[in-house]
Every structure is written in structure tokens, then in C-alpha cells.
Amino acid sequence: MKKILSMVLIAAMALIGTAALAEGIPADEITVGYIYIGDENEAYTAAHYEGAKAMAEALGLSEDQIIIKWNTAETEACYDAAIDLAEAGCDIIFGNSFNFESYMIEAAREYPEIEFCHATGYQAATCGLDNVHNYFTSVYESRYVSGVVAGMKLNEMIADGTITADQCVVGYVGAFPYAEVISGYTAFFLGIRSVCPEATMKVQYTNSWASFDLEKEAAEALIAQGCVLISQHADTTGAPTACEAAGVPCVGYNVSMIATAPNTALTSASIDWAPYNTYAVECVINGEPIAVDWCQGYDTGANKITELNEGVVAEGTAEKVAEVEAALVSGDLKVFDTSTFTIGGETLESLIEANADYAKYADYVSDGYFHESELASAPSFDIIVDGIEQVS
């Protein structure tokens, strides 16, 4: 009997939620909740927070209309944070870390009148809930552009005799061996190779999203192995700190690393989360449905690189960046153009046709490129291409 009553209650709440969605919520009455894995001192969360603040300014929301749960672990603590935000009256709740997803879905089942938006996840389309949404950006685009910046620097180092072409080895500090990370560092590598074809890359994982010590140690280990430029998909200033001490150029992530590494930081691949934050909150205000999967890139301003360190980047970098960004916006440039990489000496198309292990990629490849983040917002490219080596 209790189960039946519970089902009736949920159905009734869903109807109420649908009615509320149709009517919308006045901007001065809406309450927005955020569940963050870090805080303002951690680059990834800092970037998300900047997006939240930009959204509030754009829509005229006051500070007391925003409630944030900082430093939330990827455990039951995320579910508790979501429930707290729901009980506090939030109309829409955002979560910014991959392993928050199952906990947010659990909370969404209990509060069907509240919209739950999860970054970097993939289950919104299959969880059976209308109030769960995934979002990400085409960050591989900004990774590619930052790779072009890195490749220009490598060419300068070869030209001035700092390194030889066969010493053109890049190091990459990765968080986890997930598709999100692999997609990102592959795009970075392809950006490098577009201007510096001699380059190869070594990747070392920290198995942590944000650990200053592990990221610094990984960067130091890569430098010791002969890497002459370092980049990262990890959230602290650990790698740039190591690079500044060693005098090795670096490309960061999320925020500018120039303050940390004024003599070595080139730029950072970054995301502007404001477009999605503004879009999703506006949907609730206007009583409009939120996309199940949202992913946009340079064409909407959702992707970018941070400012170029003019005293460190190679001459002509700004002009080359402008050219590449324009090609991304126009669609003339496809980051995962399958003619620009091989796997074991084979093209991806030939492997899909002949190797059962690659058949799963068939739906992603057409018109000469891998359609990353088009079938779903979460990255899917998890292939190790020639020229990239995973090290420990």
C-alpha cells in the first residue's frame, strides 16, 4: 500500500512539475543550486563558478538566489547535497563532476518538479527521467587550439636550437584514463601535429581530478623522461609549478596559469560555462524544456583559450590562433579528421571495417571525421592514436 501511495505521490508531483515548467518561474523568484567538487581555489570549479556568476548577472539574479555546496565528495555526500538544495527551495540544481551523476539521478527521482543538470555525464537520455539533463562543451576544440599554441612554441624551440626535431616530445598530465581525458589530450596532440608534425607525446595519469602534489610529481617525472613541453587535464597548478621551476613551457587547463608560471605558461584550454548556465536557467524561467544533452563550442562562446602569454609564446601565435578558431566556427576544420591520425598504422575507417574491436565506433565516423560529442554531450573518443604513449 505504501508503495502504491508513493507512486501516486510521485506521479502527482510530476504533474505539478510539468505545470510549473509550462508556466515558468519569475526571474526574481527562482533559486539555483550548485554542487561543486571543489571550491574557488581549484581551477575546474573556479571556472564553473565564473559561469554561475555570469549567469546571475545576465539574468539579474541576486546573491541569495544562488546556493552552493562546495567541496562535495563523489559519494553519498553528493546525494545529501542535492537533497539539501531541493529542500532549500532550489528550482534547478547543477552538478559539476563526473561521478556525481548517479547520486543526482537518485535525488531527481524524489524531486521530479526540480530540474537536475549534470556536467560531463551520459545517463540523462537513458535514465527515464524528464528532469535530468547532461551538459558539456566541445572542449576538444579549445584543446586543439591550445595544441596549436604548443606546436608553434616547439617550432620556435627547434628553430633557435633549444631542441632538435627528434627531441620534440610533449608530456601530458592526465587525471584518469577516461574518454573525457583521452579525447582531450588527443585533440591537443592533433593541434600540435597540425603545425609541428615531428612531435610525439607521453601521458601520465594521476588517478585524481585535483591533487597538487600528484600533478607536480607527474610533470616532474615527464620532464625527467625528456619531455620539453607539458600540458594537463588535471585541475590544480601542480604541473605549471613544476614547469616554472624547470624552465619548461606549459599549457594549462580551465584558468590562466600565467600567475603561477609567468616565464613558462603559454595559455590554457578552457571552457566558458556561462552559456549553458544561462540557457538552462532561462528555460526554467520561461517554462521551456531543457535539452537532454547539450554540447556547444566556439560557435556559441562555450569554448576558448585563456590569454596568450605574449612574452613566452612564439611569434605569430595570435594570428595562427585566430585562423584556427575561425575555421572551427565555420566548420571547415574538424578536430578529429580521420586523415590526420592512425592507430597501429591503420586508419580508423579501415579498423572499423576489419576489426570487431572497433565496430563500436561506426556510428561516430562519417564524412571523414569522428563526430565527437554530437551523438551525446559526453566525450566518446577513447582511442590511443599513433604518436601517443601512456607511461607510468
Protein backbone atom coordinates (compact mmCIF):
# COMPACT_ATOMS: atom_id res chain seq x y z
CA MET A 1 0.00 0.00 0.00
CA LYS A 2 2.81 2.38 0.91
CA LYS A 3 4.47 1.66 -2.42
CA ILE A 4 1.25 2.48 -4.29
CA LEU A 5 0.81 5.73 -2.35
CA SER A 6 4.43 6.61 -3.07
CA MET A 7 3.92 6.03 -6.78
CA VAL A 8 0.78 8.16 -6.74
CA LEU A 9 2.62 10.93 -4.93
CA ILE A 10 5.49 10.88 -7.41
CA ALA A 11 3.04 10.96 -10.32
CA ALA A 12 1.24 13.89 -8.76
CA MET A 13 4.50 15.74 -8.18
CA ALA A 14 5.50 15.10 -11.78
CA LEU A 15 2.24 16.67 -12.95
CA ILE A 16 2.83 19.64 -10.68
CA GLY A 17 6.38 19.93 -12.02
CA THR A 18 5.12 19.82 -15.61
CA ALA A 19 2.60 22.55 -14.86
CA ALA A 20 5.29 24.67 -13.22
CA LEU A 21 7.54 24.16 -16.21
CA ALA A 22 4.79 25.24 -18.58
CA GLU A 23 4.12 28.38 -16.52
CA GLY A 24 7.73 29.24 -15.80
CA ILE A 25 9.14 30.91 -12.70
CA PRO A 26 9.75 34.67 -12.48
CA ALA A 27 13.44 35.52 -12.53
CA ASP A 28 13.23 37.29 -9.19
CA GLU A 29 11.72 34.17 -7.58
CA ILE A 30 13.92 31.41 -8.97
CA THR A 31 16.51 29.69 -6.76
CA VAL A 32 19.52 27.98 -8.33
CA GLY A 33 21.63 25.32 -6.61
CA TYR A 34 25.15 24.14 -7.36
CA ILE A 35 27.03 21.03 -6.22
CA TYR A 36 30.75 21.55 -6.72
CA ILE A 37 33.55 19.03 -6.28
CA GLY A 38 35.97 21.78 -5.28
CA ASP A 39 35.97 25.43 -4.42
CA GLU A 40 37.20 28.72 -5.85
CA ASN A 41 40.81 27.70 -5.27
CA GLU A 42 40.52 24.69 -7.60
CA ALA A 43 40.64 25.65 -11.27
CA TYR A 44 37.88 23.40 -12.61
CA THR A 45 35.35 24.50 -10.02
CA ALA A 46 36.52 28.11 -10.29
CA ALA A 47 35.64 28.02 -14.00
CA HIS A 48 32.18 26.63 -13.21
CA TYR A 49 31.65 29.28 -10.55
CA GLU A 50 32.57 32.02 -13.02
CA GLY A 51 29.85 30.64 -15.30
CA ALA A 52 27.33 30.74 -12.46
CA LYS A 53 28.20 34.33 -11.61
CA ALA A 54 27.96 35.37 -15.25
CA MET A 55 24.55 33.71 -15.49
CA ALA A 56 23.31 35.54 -12.38
CA GLU A 57 24.50 38.87 -13.76
CA ALA A 58 22.97 38.24 -17.18
CA LEU A 59 19.57 37.29 -15.73
CA GLY A 60 19.55 39.78 -12.88
CA LEU A 61 19.61 37.22 -10.06
CA SER A 62 20.67 38.31 -6.58
CA GLU A 63 23.26 36.55 -4.42
CA ASP A 64 20.60 35.00 -2.18
CA GLN A 65 19.07 33.25 -5.20
CA ILE A 66 22.23 31.14 -5.58
CA ILE A 67 23.04 28.32 -3.13
CA ILE A 68 26.33 26.45 -3.44
CA LYS A 69 27.57 23.22 -1.91
CA TRP A 70 31.37 23.45 -2.06
CA ASN A 71 33.94 20.62 -1.83
CA THR A 72 31.41 17.81 -2.27
CA ALA A 73 32.82 14.30 -2.47
CA GLU A 74 31.81 11.88 -5.24
CA THR A 75 29.99 9.76 -2.66
CA GLU A 76 26.65 9.73 -0.88
CA ALA A 77 27.63 13.26 0.14
CA CYS A 78 26.53 14.36 -3.34
CA TYR A 79 23.05 12.87 -2.81
CA ASP A 80 22.82 14.61 0.58
CA ALA A 81 23.87 17.91 -1.02
CA ALA A 82 21.21 17.52 -3.72
CA ILE A 83 18.52 16.80 -1.13
CA ASP A 84 19.61 19.80 0.94
CA LEU A 85 19.36 22.05 -2.12
CA ALA A 86 15.95 20.63 -3.04
CA GLU A 87 14.66 21.19 0.48
CA ALA A 88 16.10 24.71 0.40
CA GLY A 89 13.75 25.52 -2.49
CA CYS A 90 16.03 25.27 -5.50
CA ASP A 91 14.18 25.10 -8.81
CA ILE A 92 17.23 23.88 -10.75
CA ILE A 93 20.36 22.13 -9.49
CA PHE A 94 23.71 21.82 -11.29
CA GLY A 95 26.46 19.29 -10.52
CA ASN A 96 29.94 19.63 -11.99
CA SER A 97 31.74 16.29 -11.52
CA PHE A 98 31.50 13.03 -13.45
CA ASN A 99 30.81 10.70 -10.52
CA PHE A 100 28.03 12.91 -9.16
CA GLU A 101 25.68 11.55 -11.80
CA SER A 102 24.15 8.51 -10.09
CA TYR A 103 23.54 10.47 -6.89
CA MET A 104 21.89 13.33 -8.75
CA ILE A 105 19.65 10.89 -10.62
CA GLU A 106 18.64 9.34 -7.30
CA ALA A 107 17.66 12.76 -5.97
CA ALA A 108 15.90 13.67 -9.22
CA ARG A 109 13.60 10.65 -8.83
CA GLU A 110 12.47 12.04 -5.50
CA TYR A 111 12.00 15.62 -6.75
CA PRO A 112 10.53 15.44 -10.26
CA GLU A 113 9.47 19.11 -10.06
CA ILE A 114 13.14 20.21 -9.89
CA GLU A 115 15.50 20.25 -12.88
CA PHE A 116 18.85 18.47 -12.39
CA CYS A 117 21.70 19.33 -14.75
CA HIS A 118 24.86 17.24 -14.66
CA ALA A 119 28.14 18.14 -16.36
CA THR A 120 30.23 15.52 -18.20
CA GLY A 121 27.74 12.66 -17.70
CA TYR A 122 25.87 10.42 -20.11
CA GLN A 123 22.85 8.87 -18.41
CA ALA A 124 20.20 11.56 -18.90
CA ALA A 125 18.95 10.06 -22.15
CA THR A 126 18.54 6.58 -20.65
CA CYS A 127 17.53 7.14 -17.02
CA GLY A 128 13.84 7.62 -17.86
CA LEU A 129 13.54 10.98 -16.07
CA ASP A 130 12.44 14.14 -17.82
CA ASN A 131 14.06 16.36 -15.20
CA VAL A 132 17.63 15.06 -15.69
CA HIS A 133 19.94 16.67 -18.22
CA ASN A 134 23.57 16.27 -19.27
CA TYR A 135 25.78 19.08 -20.49
CA PHE A 136 29.32 19.59 -21.59
CA THR A 137 31.09 21.64 -24.24
CA SER A 138 33.13 20.75 -27.29
CA VAL A 139 36.23 21.33 -25.16
CA TYR A 140 38.28 19.26 -27.58
CA GLU A 141 38.15 22.38 -29.77
CA SER A 142 39.96 24.54 -27.22
CA ARG A 143 42.32 21.65 -26.53
CA TYR A 144 43.16 21.62 -30.24
CA VAL A 145 43.71 25.36 -30.34
CA SER A 146 45.96 25.21 -27.27
CA GLY A 147 47.83 22.43 -29.06
CA VAL A 148 48.45 24.76 -31.97
CA VAL A 149 49.93 27.27 -29.49
CA ALA A 150 52.16 24.50 -28.11
CA GLY A 151 53.19 23.37 -31.60
CA MET A 152 54.18 26.91 -32.54
CA LYS A 153 56.37 27.05 -29.44
CA LEU A 154 58.00 23.72 -30.30
CA ASN A 155 58.79 25.01 -33.79
CA GLU A 156 60.40 28.08 -32.26
CA MET A 157 62.47 25.89 -29.93
CA ILE A 158 63.64 23.78 -32.88
CA ALA A 159 64.46 26.89 -34.93
CA ASP A 160 66.52 28.54 -32.18
CA GLY A 161 68.40 25.34 -31.36
CA THR A 162 66.90 24.79 -27.90
CA ILE A 163 65.85 21.30 -29.05
CA THR A 164 66.22 19.19 -32.15
CA ALA A 165 63.28 17.82 -34.09
CA ASP A 166 63.80 14.34 -32.65
CA GLN A 167 63.67 15.77 -29.10
CA CYS A 168 60.19 17.14 -29.74
CA VAL A 169 58.46 15.11 -27.01
CA VAL A 170 55.48 16.58 -25.15
CA GLY A 171 54.32 15.42 -21.71
CA TYR A 172 50.71 15.35 -20.60
CA VAL A 173 49.44 15.06 -17.03
CA GLY A 174 46.07 13.30 -17.21
CA ALA A 175 43.61 12.72 -14.39
CA PHE A 176 42.02 9.36 -15.29
CA PRO A 177 42.11 7.13 -18.39
CA TYR A 178 38.51 8.13 -19.21
CA ALA A 179 37.19 9.11 -22.64
CA GLU A 180 36.92 12.72 -21.45
CA VAL A 181 40.65 12.84 -20.78
CA ILE A 182 41.72 10.76 -23.79
CA SER A 183 39.57 12.83 -26.14
CA GLY A 184 41.10 16.00 -24.73
CA TYR A 185 44.73 15.01 -24.96
CA THR A 186 44.24 13.53 -28.42
CA ALA A 187 42.77 16.82 -29.63
CA PHE A 188 45.69 18.67 -28.03
CA PHE A 189 48.14 16.33 -29.77
CA LEU A 190 46.42 16.75 -33.14
CA GLY A 191 46.62 20.52 -32.70
CA ILE A 192 50.35 20.25 -32.07
CA ARG A 193 50.86 17.94 -35.04
CA SER A 194 48.96 20.30 -37.35
CA VAL A 195 51.91 22.70 -37.10
CA CYS A 196 54.73 20.50 -35.74
CA PRO A 197 54.46 17.04 -37.32
CA GLU A 198 57.63 15.77 -35.62
CA ALA A 199 56.04 15.87 -32.16
CA THR A 200 55.22 12.83 -30.04
CA MET A 201 53.57 12.74 -26.63
CA LYS A 202 53.79 10.85 -23.33
CA VAL A 203 50.78 10.73 -20.99
CA GLN A 204 50.97 10.02 -17.28
CA TYR A 205 47.81 9.65 -15.16
CA THR A 206 47.43 10.80 -11.56
CA ASN A 207 44.11 8.97 -10.98
CA SER A 208 42.84 12.09 -9.28
CA TRP A 209 41.00 15.11 -10.63
CA ALA A 210 42.75 17.53 -8.34
CA SER A 211 45.97 16.78 -6.47
CA PHE A 212 48.67 19.44 -6.50
CA ASP A 213 51.33 17.01 -5.30
CA LEU A 214 50.48 14.21 -7.75
CA GLU A 215 50.25 16.60 -10.69
CA LYS A 216 53.56 18.24 -9.79
CA GLU A 217 55.23 14.84 -9.42
CA ALA A 218 53.81 13.63 -12.74
CA ALA A 219 55.07 16.75 -14.54
CA GLU A 220 58.50 16.36 -12.94
CA ALA A 221 58.63 12.70 -13.98
CA LEU A 222 57.71 13.57 -17.57
CA ILE A 223 60.34 16.30 -17.69
CA ALA A 224 62.89 13.81 -16.37
CA GLN A 225 61.93 11.49 -19.25
CA GLY A 226 62.84 14.19 -21.75
CA CYS A 227 59.54 15.98 -22.31
CA VAL A 228 60.21 19.54 -23.43
CA LEU A 229 56.68 20.92 -23.02
CA ILE A 230 53.93 19.92 -20.58
CA SER A 231 50.14 20.15 -20.66
CA GLN A 232 47.42 18.80 -18.41
CA HIS A 233 43.89 17.59 -17.88
CA ALA A 234 44.05 17.96 -14.13
CA ASP A 235 42.73 20.77 -12.02
CA THR A 236 45.50 22.32 -9.94
CA THR A 237 48.60 24.41 -10.54
CA GLY A 238 50.87 21.46 -9.72
CA ALA A 239 52.13 20.88 -13.27
CA PRO A 240 52.77 24.57 -14.07
CA THR A 241 54.62 24.90 -10.76
CA ALA A 242 56.96 22.10 -11.81
CA CYS A 243 57.38 23.63 -15.27
CA GLU A 244 58.25 27.05 -13.93
CA ALA A 245 60.92 25.56 -11.69
CA ALA A 246 62.38 23.57 -14.58
CA GLY A 247 62.02 26.30 -17.22
CA VAL A 248 59.78 24.10 -19.39
CA PRO A 249 56.91 25.65 -21.37
CA CYS A 250 53.43 24.56 -20.34
CA VAL A 251 49.78 24.71 -21.36
CA GLY A 252 47.22 24.69 -18.56
CA TYR A 253 43.56 23.88 -18.16
CA ASN A 254 40.47 25.82 -17.03
CA VAL A 255 42.14 29.07 -15.98
CA SER A 256 45.22 31.07 -16.92
CA MET A 257 48.38 29.70 -15.32
CA ILE A 258 50.45 32.82 -16.03
CA ALA A 259 50.35 33.94 -12.41
CA THR A 260 51.78 30.57 -11.36
CA ALA A 261 54.24 30.20 -14.24
CA PRO A 262 54.94 33.69 -15.63
CA ASN A 263 58.03 32.58 -17.56
CA THR A 264 56.71 29.29 -18.96
CA ALA A 265 52.88 29.30 -19.23
CA LEU A 266 51.71 29.74 -22.82
CA THR A 267 47.91 29.63 -22.44
CA SER A 268 45.23 27.29 -21.09
CA ALA A 269 42.49 25.31 -22.79
CA SER A 270 39.30 26.49 -21.14
CA ILE A 271 35.52 26.33 -21.04
CA ASP A 272 33.08 29.17 -20.54
CA TRP A 273 30.21 27.60 -18.58
CA ALA A 274 28.11 30.79 -18.71
CA PRO A 275 26.29 29.93 -21.97
CA TYR A 276 24.87 26.70 -20.57
CA ASN A 277 24.11 28.09 -17.13
CA THR A 278 22.24 30.98 -18.69
CA TYR A 279 20.43 28.76 -21.19
CA ALA A 280 19.24 26.22 -18.59
CA VAL A 281 18.10 28.78 -16.02
CA GLU A 282 16.33 30.78 -18.71
CA CYS A 283 14.48 27.63 -19.74
CA VAL A 284 13.12 27.28 -16.21
CA ILE A 285 12.22 30.97 -16.06
CA ASN A 286 10.40 30.75 -19.39
CA GLY A 287 8.76 27.38 -18.73
CA GLU A 288 10.63 25.75 -21.61
CA PRO A 289 12.15 22.25 -21.70
CA ILE A 290 15.90 21.87 -21.22
CA ALA A 291 17.78 19.78 -23.76
CA VAL A 292 18.52 16.25 -22.60
CA ASP A 293 22.07 16.54 -23.95
CA TRP A 294 23.63 19.96 -24.54
CA CYS A 295 27.03 20.46 -26.12
CA GLN A 296 28.27 23.62 -27.83
CA GLY A 297 31.68 25.00 -28.74
CA TYR A 298 33.45 28.00 -30.18
CA ASP A 299 30.43 28.99 -32.23
CA THR A 300 28.49 29.91 -29.06
CA GLY A 301 31.42 31.10 -26.96
CA ALA A 302 31.36 27.98 -24.78
CA ASN A 303 34.99 27.14 -25.63
CA LYS A 304 38.05 29.37 -25.53
CA ILE A 305 41.69 29.54 -24.62
CA THR A 306 42.86 31.94 -21.96
CA GLU A 307 45.06 34.92 -22.81
CA LEU A 308 48.33 34.26 -24.58
CA ASN A 309 51.46 34.95 -22.56
CA GLU A 310 52.92 37.36 -25.07
CA GLY A 311 56.41 37.19 -23.61
CA VAL A 312 56.56 33.42 -23.93
CA VAL A 313 54.52 32.28 -26.95
CA ALA A 314 56.15 32.04 -30.36
CA GLU A 315 55.97 34.90 -32.80
CA GLY A 316 52.86 34.72 -34.98
CA THR A 317 50.88 32.65 -32.46
CA ALA A 318 47.99 35.11 -32.09
CA GLU A 319 47.46 35.24 -35.84
CA LYS A 320 47.57 31.46 -36.17
CA VAL A 321 45.11 31.06 -33.29
CA ALA A 322 42.67 33.47 -34.94
CA GLU A 323 42.90 31.48 -38.18
CA VAL A 324 42.26 28.15 -36.45
CA GLU A 325 39.40 29.47 -34.34
CA ALA A 326 37.70 30.92 -37.42
CA ALA A 327 37.97 27.54 -39.16
CA LEU A 328 36.40 25.81 -36.15
CA VAL A 329 33.49 28.26 -36.10
CA SER A 330 32.89 27.92 -39.84
CA GLY A 331 33.09 24.13 -39.66
CA ASP A 332 35.94 23.98 -42.18
CA LEU A 333 38.18 22.40 -39.55
CA LYS A 334 37.23 19.10 -37.92
CA VAL A 335 39.39 18.30 -34.93
CA PHE A 336 39.11 14.52 -35.32
CA ASP A 337 39.67 14.44 -39.08
CA THR A 338 40.50 10.77 -39.56
CA SER A 339 43.10 11.57 -42.24
CA THR A 340 45.26 13.23 -39.57
CA PHE A 341 45.90 10.19 -37.36
CA THR A 342 46.39 6.43 -37.45
CA ILE A 343 46.10 3.58 -34.96
CA GLY A 344 48.81 0.94 -35.35
CA GLY A 345 49.46 2.32 -38.80
CA GLU A 346 45.83 1.84 -39.87
CA THR A 347 43.09 4.37 -40.48
CA LEU A 348 40.11 4.33 -38.15
CA GLU A 349 37.77 3.58 -41.06
CA SER A 350 39.78 0.50 -42.05
CA LEU A 351 39.81 -0.74 -38.46
CA ILE A 352 36.05 -0.29 -38.14
CA GLU A 353 35.57 -2.35 -41.28
CA ALA A 354 38.02 -5.13 -40.45
CA ASN A 355 38.38 -5.28 -36.66
CA ALA A 356 35.47 -6.18 -34.41
CA ASP A 357 37.01 -4.26 -31.52
CA TYR A 358 36.49 -1.03 -33.44
CA ALA A 359 32.98 -1.73 -34.75
CA LYS A 360 31.51 0.26 -31.84
CA TYR A 361 32.87 3.46 -33.41
CA ALA A 362 30.99 3.01 -36.68
CA ASP A 363 28.15 5.35 -35.71
CA TYR A 364 30.63 8.11 -34.85
CA VAL A 365 32.60 8.16 -38.09
CA SER A 366 31.31 9.65 -41.32
CA ASP A 367 32.25 12.38 -43.79
CA GLY A 368 35.90 11.86 -42.94
CA TYR A 369 35.86 12.63 -39.23
CA PHE A 370 34.91 11.29 -35.82
CA HIS A 371 31.78 13.13 -34.67
CA GLU A 372 32.85 13.77 -31.10
CA SER A 373 30.14 14.94 -28.67
CA GLU A 374 27.49 15.01 -31.40
CA LEU A 375 25.61 11.81 -30.54
CA ALA A 376 25.83 12.69 -26.83
CA SER A 377 27.35 15.57 -24.92
CA ALA A 378 29.88 13.39 -23.08
CA PRO A 379 33.13 12.70 -24.97
CA SER A 380 33.39 9.29 -26.64
CA PHE A 381 36.81 9.28 -28.30
CA ASP A 382 38.91 6.87 -26.22
CA ILE A 383 41.37 5.58 -28.82
CA ILE A 384 45.15 5.82 -28.33
CA VAL A 385 46.47 7.08 -31.64
CA ASP A 386 49.97 6.66 -33.06
CA GLY A 387 52.46 9.10 -31.57
CA ILE A 388 50.94 8.97 -28.06
CA GLU A 389 52.37 6.73 -25.36
CA GLN A 390 50.83 6.11 -21.94
CA VAL A 391 53.55 5.89 -19.29
CA SER A 392 53.67 5.24 -15.56
